[in-house]
């Protein structure tokens, strides 16, 4: 709306939107991410992957999870999926420490983006154990 009203440029609006998404954190280390429909990660808690084409990123089982959730959100509107998440992804010199992650991704068609978040299976298990 502010772009259409001439109050700011599209580039400034996109920069502001990225900053707002990046600021969303909850439950400790959980965050929101955004990826373009052509698989470029534009918002992520891991700065190593920002502005990187992530289409070919796989987990240890070979699942192309970013392609799957981006395409799923784009074609269906939204998607839930699971994949192996490397807890050491921000530590390139550390061995892979993979746990399952449940991710929800919603399409944002006006800007050709997919926006999502996820939760580790270990966190779900811990919450379940506290409830017992």
N, C-alpha and C. Protein backbone atom coordinates (compact mmCIF):
# COMPACT_ATOMS: atom_id res chain seq x y z
N UNK A 1 0.81 -1.18 0.00
CA UNK A 1 0.00 0.00 0.00
C UNK A 1 0.86 1.27 0.00
N UNK A 2 1.92 1.26 0.81
CA UNK A 2 2.78 2.45 0.88
C UNK A 2 3.52 2.65 -0.44
N UNK A 3 3.81 1.54 -1.14
CA UNK A 3 4.47 1.66 -2.44
C UNK A 3 3.51 2.30 -3.44
N UNK A 4 2.26 1.79 -3.48
CA UNK A 4 1.27 2.33 -4.40
C UNK A 4 0.97 3.80 -4.09
N UNK A 5 1.05 4.18 -2.82
CA UNK A 5 0.79 5.57 -2.42
C UNK A 5 2.00 6.47 -2.68
N UNK A 6 3.11 5.89 -3.12
CA UNK A 6 4.31 6.67 -3.40
C UNK A 6 5.10 7.06 -2.15
N UNK A 7 4.79 6.42 -1.02
CA UNK A 7 5.47 6.74 0.23
C UNK A 7 6.84 6.09 0.35
N UNK A 8 7.05 5.01 -0.40
CA UNK A 8 8.35 4.33 -0.38
C UNK A 8 8.52 3.52 -1.65
N UNK A 9 9.76 3.21 -1.98
CA UNK A 9 10.03 2.41 -3.17
C UNK A 9 9.74 0.93 -2.89
N UNK A 10 9.56 0.17 -3.94
CA UNK A 10 9.36 -1.27 -3.79
C UNK A 10 10.57 -1.90 -3.10
N UNK A 11 11.76 -1.48 -3.47
CA UNK A 11 12.97 -2.03 -2.85
C UNK A 11 13.00 -1.74 -1.35
N UNK A 12 12.64 -0.54 -0.95
CA UNK A 12 12.61 -0.19 0.47
C UNK A 12 11.55 -1.00 1.21
N UNK A 13 10.41 -1.20 0.57
CA UNK A 13 9.34 -2.00 1.18
C UNK A 13 9.78 -3.44 1.36
N UNK A 14 10.46 -4.00 0.38
CA UNK A 14 10.94 -5.38 0.48
C UNK A 14 11.99 -5.51 1.57
N UNK A 15 12.88 -4.55 1.68
CA UNK A 15 13.89 -4.56 2.73
C UNK A 15 13.23 -4.49 4.10
N UNK A 16 12.23 -3.64 4.24
CA UNK A 16 11.51 -3.52 5.52
C UNK A 16 10.77 -4.81 5.85
N UNK A 17 10.15 -5.42 4.86
CA UNK A 17 9.42 -6.68 5.09
C UNK A 17 10.38 -7.79 5.53
N UNK A 18 11.54 -7.88 4.89
CA UNK A 18 12.54 -8.88 5.28
C UNK A 18 12.98 -8.68 6.72
N UNK A 19 13.22 -7.43 7.10
CA UNK A 19 13.63 -7.13 8.48
C UNK A 19 12.55 -7.53 9.47
N UNK A 20 11.30 -7.27 9.13
CA UNK A 20 10.19 -7.63 10.02
C UNK A 20 10.09 -9.15 10.17
N UNK A 21 10.21 -9.88 9.07
CA UNK A 21 10.16 -11.34 9.15
C UNK A 21 11.34 -11.88 9.94
N UNK A 22 12.51 -11.33 9.71
CA UNK A 22 13.71 -11.79 10.40
C UNK A 22 13.61 -11.57 11.92
N UNK A 23 12.85 -10.56 12.31
CA UNK A 23 12.70 -10.24 13.74
C UNK A 23 11.77 -11.19 14.48
N UNK A 24 11.02 -12.00 13.73
CA UNK A 24 10.08 -12.91 14.38
C UNK A 24 10.82 -14.13 14.91
N UNK A 25 10.87 -14.25 16.22
CA UNK A 25 11.45 -15.40 16.90
C UNK A 25 10.48 -15.82 18.00
N UNK A 26 10.40 -17.09 18.26
CA UNK A 26 9.51 -17.58 19.31
C UNK A 26 10.06 -18.88 19.87
N UNK A 27 9.62 -19.23 21.03
CA UNK A 27 10.04 -20.48 21.69
C UNK A 27 11.55 -20.67 21.68
N UNK A 28 12.26 -19.61 21.93
CA UNK A 28 13.72 -19.74 21.98
C UNK A 28 14.37 -19.55 20.63
N UNK A 29 14.64 -20.65 19.93
CA UNK A 29 15.39 -20.60 18.67
C UNK A 29 14.53 -20.71 17.41
N UNK A 30 13.23 -20.71 17.55
CA UNK A 30 12.37 -20.88 16.37
C UNK A 30 12.20 -19.54 15.66
N UNK A 31 12.03 -19.60 14.35
CA UNK A 31 12.06 -18.40 13.51
C UNK A 31 11.18 -18.59 12.28
N UNK A 32 10.99 -17.50 11.56
CA UNK A 32 10.26 -17.50 10.29
C UNK A 32 11.29 -17.35 9.17
N UNK A 33 11.05 -18.03 8.06
CA UNK A 33 11.93 -17.90 6.89
C UNK A 33 11.09 -17.53 5.67
N UNK A 34 11.76 -17.03 4.65
CA UNK A 34 11.09 -16.72 3.39
C UNK A 34 12.02 -17.12 2.25
N UNK A 35 11.40 -17.68 1.21
CA UNK A 35 12.14 -18.12 0.04
C UNK A 35 11.35 -17.70 -1.19
N UNK A 36 12.06 -17.27 -2.24
CA UNK A 36 11.38 -16.88 -3.46
C UNK A 36 10.90 -18.13 -4.19
N UNK A 37 9.99 -17.94 -5.14
CA UNK A 37 9.50 -19.08 -5.91
C UNK A 37 10.59 -19.70 -6.78
N UNK A 38 11.70 -19.00 -6.96
CA UNK A 38 12.83 -19.61 -7.66
C UNK A 38 13.93 -20.06 -6.69
N UNK A 39 13.50 -20.32 -5.42
CA UNK A 39 14.30 -21.03 -4.41
C UNK A 39 15.43 -20.23 -3.76
N UNK A 40 15.43 -18.93 -3.89
CA UNK A 40 16.45 -18.12 -3.23
C UNK A 40 15.95 -17.79 -1.82
N UNK A 41 16.72 -18.20 -0.82
CA UNK A 41 16.37 -17.94 0.57
C UNK A 41 16.62 -16.46 0.83
N UNK A 42 15.58 -15.73 1.22
CA UNK A 42 15.75 -14.29 1.44
C UNK A 42 15.65 -13.90 2.91
N UNK A 43 15.07 -14.75 3.75
CA UNK A 43 15.03 -14.53 5.20
C UNK A 43 15.28 -15.86 5.87
N UNK A 44 16.25 -15.89 6.79
CA UNK A 44 16.55 -17.11 7.52
C UNK A 44 17.41 -16.75 8.72
N UNK A 45 17.26 -17.48 9.80
CA UNK A 45 18.08 -17.25 10.99
C UNK A 45 19.55 -17.57 10.73
N UNK A 46 19.82 -18.41 9.75
CA UNK A 46 21.19 -18.77 9.39
C UNK A 46 21.68 -17.84 8.28
N UNK A 47 22.53 -16.88 8.59
CA UNK A 47 22.98 -15.92 7.57
C UNK A 47 23.76 -16.56 6.43
N UNK A 48 24.28 -17.74 6.64
CA UNK A 48 25.05 -18.43 5.59
C UNK A 48 24.19 -18.72 4.36
N UNK A 49 22.90 -18.97 4.55
CA UNK A 49 22.04 -19.37 3.43
C UNK A 49 21.26 -18.22 2.80
N UNK A 50 21.26 -17.05 3.42
CA UNK A 50 20.51 -15.92 2.87
C UNK A 50 21.12 -15.50 1.53
N UNK A 51 20.25 -15.21 0.57
CA UNK A 51 20.62 -14.83 -0.80
C UNK A 51 21.30 -15.97 -1.56
N UNK A 52 20.99 -17.19 -1.17
CA UNK A 52 21.52 -18.39 -1.83
C UNK A 52 20.39 -19.18 -2.47
N UNK A 53 20.61 -19.67 -3.69
CA UNK A 53 19.62 -20.55 -4.31
C UNK A 53 19.70 -21.90 -3.61
N UNK A 54 18.58 -22.31 -3.02
CA UNK A 54 18.54 -23.49 -2.17
C UNK A 54 17.83 -24.68 -2.83
N UNK A 55 17.52 -24.59 -4.11
CA UNK A 55 16.74 -25.63 -4.77
C UNK A 55 17.34 -27.03 -4.58
N UNK A 56 18.63 -27.14 -4.68
CA UNK A 56 19.27 -28.46 -4.64
C UNK A 56 19.67 -28.89 -3.24
N UNK A 57 19.35 -28.12 -2.21
CA UNK A 57 19.70 -28.49 -0.82
C UNK A 57 18.95 -29.77 -0.46
N UNK A 58 19.69 -30.72 0.08
CA UNK A 58 19.08 -31.99 0.49
C UNK A 58 19.42 -32.29 1.94
N UNK A 59 18.58 -33.14 2.55
CA UNK A 59 18.94 -33.67 3.86
C UNK A 59 19.75 -34.95 3.63
N UNK A 60 20.12 -35.65 4.66
CA UNK A 60 20.99 -36.83 4.49
C UNK A 60 20.28 -37.97 3.77
N UNK A 61 18.95 -37.94 3.71
CA UNK A 61 18.20 -38.96 2.97
C UNK A 61 18.06 -38.60 1.50
N UNK A 62 18.57 -37.43 1.10
CA UNK A 62 18.48 -37.01 -0.29
C UNK A 62 17.22 -36.24 -0.63
N UNK A 63 16.42 -35.92 0.34
CA UNK A 63 15.17 -35.18 0.10
C UNK A 63 15.49 -33.72 -0.21
N UNK A 64 14.97 -33.24 -1.33
CA UNK A 64 15.14 -31.84 -1.72
C UNK A 64 14.02 -31.03 -1.06
N UNK A 65 14.17 -30.81 0.22
CA UNK A 65 13.09 -30.28 1.05
C UNK A 65 12.72 -28.83 0.73
N UNK A 66 13.66 -28.01 0.35
CA UNK A 66 13.33 -26.62 0.03
C UNK A 66 12.55 -26.56 -1.27
N UNK A 67 12.96 -27.34 -2.24
CA UNK A 67 12.20 -27.44 -3.48
C UNK A 67 10.79 -27.95 -3.17
N UNK A 68 10.69 -28.97 -2.32
CA UNK A 68 9.39 -29.55 -2.00
C UNK A 68 8.46 -28.54 -1.33
N UNK A 69 8.94 -27.85 -0.30
CA UNK A 69 8.01 -26.95 0.38
C UNK A 69 7.74 -25.67 -0.40
N UNK A 70 8.70 -25.21 -1.19
CA UNK A 70 8.46 -24.03 -2.02
C UNK A 70 7.43 -24.35 -3.11
N UNK A 71 7.65 -25.44 -3.82
CA UNK A 71 6.70 -25.84 -4.87
C UNK A 71 5.33 -26.19 -4.28
N UNK A 72 5.33 -26.86 -3.13
CA UNK A 72 4.06 -27.23 -2.50
C UNK A 72 3.25 -26.01 -2.10
N UNK A 73 3.91 -25.01 -1.54
CA UNK A 73 3.21 -23.78 -1.16
C UNK A 73 2.70 -23.05 -2.41
N UNK A 74 3.54 -23.02 -3.42
CA UNK A 74 3.19 -22.30 -4.66
C UNK A 74 2.00 -22.96 -5.35
N UNK A 75 2.00 -24.27 -5.47
CA UNK A 75 0.94 -24.95 -6.23
C UNK A 75 -0.31 -25.25 -5.41
N UNK A 76 -0.17 -25.43 -4.09
CA UNK A 76 -1.32 -25.78 -3.25
C UNK A 76 -1.76 -24.67 -2.30
N UNK A 77 -0.96 -23.63 -2.20
CA UNK A 77 -1.29 -22.55 -1.28
C UNK A 77 -0.56 -22.66 0.04
N UNK A 78 -0.39 -23.89 0.52
CA UNK A 78 0.37 -24.13 1.75
C UNK A 78 0.73 -25.61 1.81
N UNK A 79 1.70 -25.92 2.68
CA UNK A 79 2.14 -27.31 2.80
C UNK A 79 2.75 -27.55 4.18
N UNK A 80 2.50 -28.73 4.70
CA UNK A 80 3.24 -29.27 5.84
C UNK A 80 4.18 -30.32 5.29
N UNK A 81 5.41 -30.35 5.75
CA UNK A 81 6.34 -31.39 5.33
C UNK A 81 7.37 -31.63 6.43
N UNK A 82 8.05 -32.75 6.35
CA UNK A 82 9.13 -33.05 7.29
C UNK A 82 10.42 -33.29 6.52
N UNK A 83 11.52 -33.05 7.19
CA UNK A 83 12.83 -33.31 6.59
C UNK A 83 13.85 -33.38 7.70
N UNK A 84 15.03 -33.86 7.36
CA UNK A 84 16.12 -33.91 8.33
C UNK A 84 16.79 -32.55 8.41
N UNK A 85 16.84 -31.98 9.61
CA UNK A 85 17.42 -30.66 9.84
C UNK A 85 18.74 -30.81 10.57
N UNK A 86 19.80 -30.25 10.01
CA UNK A 86 21.13 -30.33 10.61
C UNK A 86 21.27 -29.27 11.71
N UNK A 87 21.34 -29.71 12.94
CA UNK A 87 21.49 -28.77 14.06
C UNK A 87 22.80 -28.00 13.99
N UNK A 88 23.77 -28.52 13.24
CA UNK A 88 25.07 -27.86 13.11
C UNK A 88 25.19 -27.06 11.80
N UNK A 89 24.06 -26.67 11.22
CA UNK A 89 24.10 -26.00 9.92
C UNK A 89 24.87 -24.68 9.95
N UNK A 90 24.94 -24.03 11.09
CA UNK A 90 25.69 -22.77 11.19
C UNK A 90 27.13 -23.00 11.63
N UNK A 91 27.51 -24.28 11.76
CA UNK A 91 28.87 -24.63 12.17
C UNK A 91 29.46 -25.57 11.11
N UNK A 92 29.95 -25.00 10.01
CA UNK A 92 30.40 -25.83 8.89
C UNK A 92 31.51 -26.82 9.22
N UNK A 93 32.27 -26.61 10.28
CA UNK A 93 33.35 -27.52 10.64
C UNK A 93 32.91 -28.64 11.57
N UNK A 94 31.64 -28.62 11.97
CA UNK A 94 31.11 -29.65 12.86
C UNK A 94 30.43 -30.76 12.05
N UNK A 95 30.40 -31.98 12.58
CA UNK A 95 29.71 -33.06 11.86
C UNK A 95 28.20 -32.82 11.82
N UNK A 96 27.55 -33.42 10.84
CA UNK A 96 26.10 -33.31 10.71
C UNK A 96 25.44 -33.93 11.93
N UNK A 97 24.49 -33.21 12.50
CA UNK A 97 23.69 -33.68 13.63
C UNK A 97 22.23 -33.44 13.25
N UNK A 98 21.64 -34.42 12.57
CA UNK A 98 20.34 -34.24 11.94
C UNK A 98 19.20 -34.78 12.80
N UNK A 99 18.13 -33.98 12.92
CA UNK A 99 16.89 -34.40 13.58
C UNK A 99 15.74 -34.04 12.64
N UNK A 100 14.62 -34.70 12.81
CA UNK A 100 13.46 -34.41 11.97
C UNK A 100 12.86 -33.05 12.34
N UNK A 101 12.40 -32.35 11.31
CA UNK A 101 11.76 -31.05 11.51
C UNK A 101 10.44 -31.04 10.75
N UNK A 102 9.39 -30.61 11.42
CA UNK A 102 8.08 -30.43 10.81
C UNK A 102 7.98 -28.97 10.40
N UNK A 103 7.70 -28.71 9.14
CA UNK A 103 7.67 -27.35 8.63
C UNK A 103 6.34 -27.06 7.96
N UNK A 104 5.84 -25.84 8.20
CA UNK A 104 4.64 -25.33 7.52
C UNK A 104 5.07 -24.15 6.68
N UNK A 105 4.65 -24.13 5.42
CA UNK A 105 5.00 -23.05 4.50
C UNK A 105 3.74 -22.58 3.78
N UNK A 106 3.55 -21.27 3.76
CA UNK A 106 2.38 -20.63 3.14
C UNK A 106 2.86 -19.81 1.93
N UNK A 107 2.12 -19.91 0.84
CA UNK A 107 2.45 -19.11 -0.33
C UNK A 107 2.07 -17.65 -0.09
N UNK A 108 2.88 -16.73 -0.58
CA UNK A 108 2.56 -15.31 -0.59
C UNK A 108 2.66 -14.85 -2.04
N UNK A 109 1.60 -15.10 -2.79
CA UNK A 109 1.58 -14.89 -4.24
C UNK A 109 1.90 -13.47 -4.69
N UNK A 110 1.45 -12.41 -3.99
CA UNK A 110 1.72 -11.06 -4.50
C UNK A 110 3.20 -10.76 -4.72
N UNK A 111 4.08 -11.41 -4.01
CA UNK A 111 5.52 -11.16 -4.16
C UNK A 111 6.29 -12.42 -4.55
N UNK A 112 5.58 -13.45 -5.01
CA UNK A 112 6.23 -14.70 -5.44
C UNK A 112 7.17 -15.24 -4.38
N UNK A 113 6.64 -15.35 -3.17
CA UNK A 113 7.40 -15.82 -2.02
C UNK A 113 6.66 -16.96 -1.33
N UNK A 114 7.39 -17.74 -0.60
CA UNK A 114 6.83 -18.73 0.31
C UNK A 114 7.40 -18.40 1.69
N UNK A 115 6.54 -18.32 2.68
CA UNK A 115 6.94 -17.94 4.03
C UNK A 115 6.58 -19.09 4.96
N UNK A 116 7.53 -19.48 5.82
CA UNK A 116 7.26 -20.63 6.66
C UNK A 116 7.99 -20.61 7.98
N UNK A 117 7.73 -21.66 8.74
CA UNK A 117 8.39 -21.89 10.01
C UNK A 117 8.36 -23.38 10.30
N UNK A 118 9.10 -23.80 11.30
CA UNK A 118 9.12 -25.21 11.60
C UNK A 118 9.43 -25.47 13.06
N UNK A 119 9.26 -26.72 13.43
CA UNK A 119 9.56 -27.14 14.80
C UNK A 119 10.29 -28.48 14.75
N UNK A 120 11.30 -28.61 15.59
CA UNK A 120 12.06 -29.86 15.65
C UNK A 120 11.25 -30.95 16.33
N UNK A 121 11.38 -32.17 15.86
CA UNK A 121 10.69 -33.30 16.48
C UNK A 121 11.12 -33.47 17.93
N UNK A 122 12.38 -33.17 18.22
CA UNK A 122 12.85 -33.28 19.60
C UNK A 122 12.13 -32.29 20.51
N UNK A 123 11.78 -31.11 20.00
CA UNK A 123 11.02 -30.14 20.78
C UNK A 123 9.59 -30.62 21.01
N UNK A 124 8.99 -31.20 19.98
CA UNK A 124 7.64 -31.77 20.12
C UNK A 124 7.65 -32.88 21.17
N UNK A 125 8.66 -33.75 21.10
CA UNK A 125 8.77 -34.85 22.07
C UNK A 125 8.92 -34.31 23.49
N UNK A 126 9.72 -33.27 23.67
CA UNK A 126 9.93 -32.70 25.01
C UNK A 126 8.63 -32.10 25.57
N UNK A 127 7.88 -31.43 24.73
CA UNK A 127 6.59 -30.87 25.16
C UNK A 127 5.64 -31.99 25.54
N UNK A 128 5.61 -33.03 24.73
CA UNK A 128 4.74 -34.17 25.01
C UNK A 128 5.12 -34.82 26.35
N UNK A 129 6.40 -34.98 26.61
CA UNK A 129 6.85 -35.60 27.86
C UNK A 129 6.45 -34.75 29.07
N UNK A 130 6.50 -33.44 28.94
CA UNK A 130 6.08 -32.55 30.04
C UNK A 130 4.59 -32.68 30.32
N UNK A 131 3.81 -32.98 29.30
CA UNK A 131 2.35 -33.07 29.44
C UNK A 131 1.92 -34.39 30.07
N UNK A 132 2.77 -35.37 30.08
CA UNK A 132 2.39 -36.71 30.57
C UNK A 132 2.30 -36.76 32.04
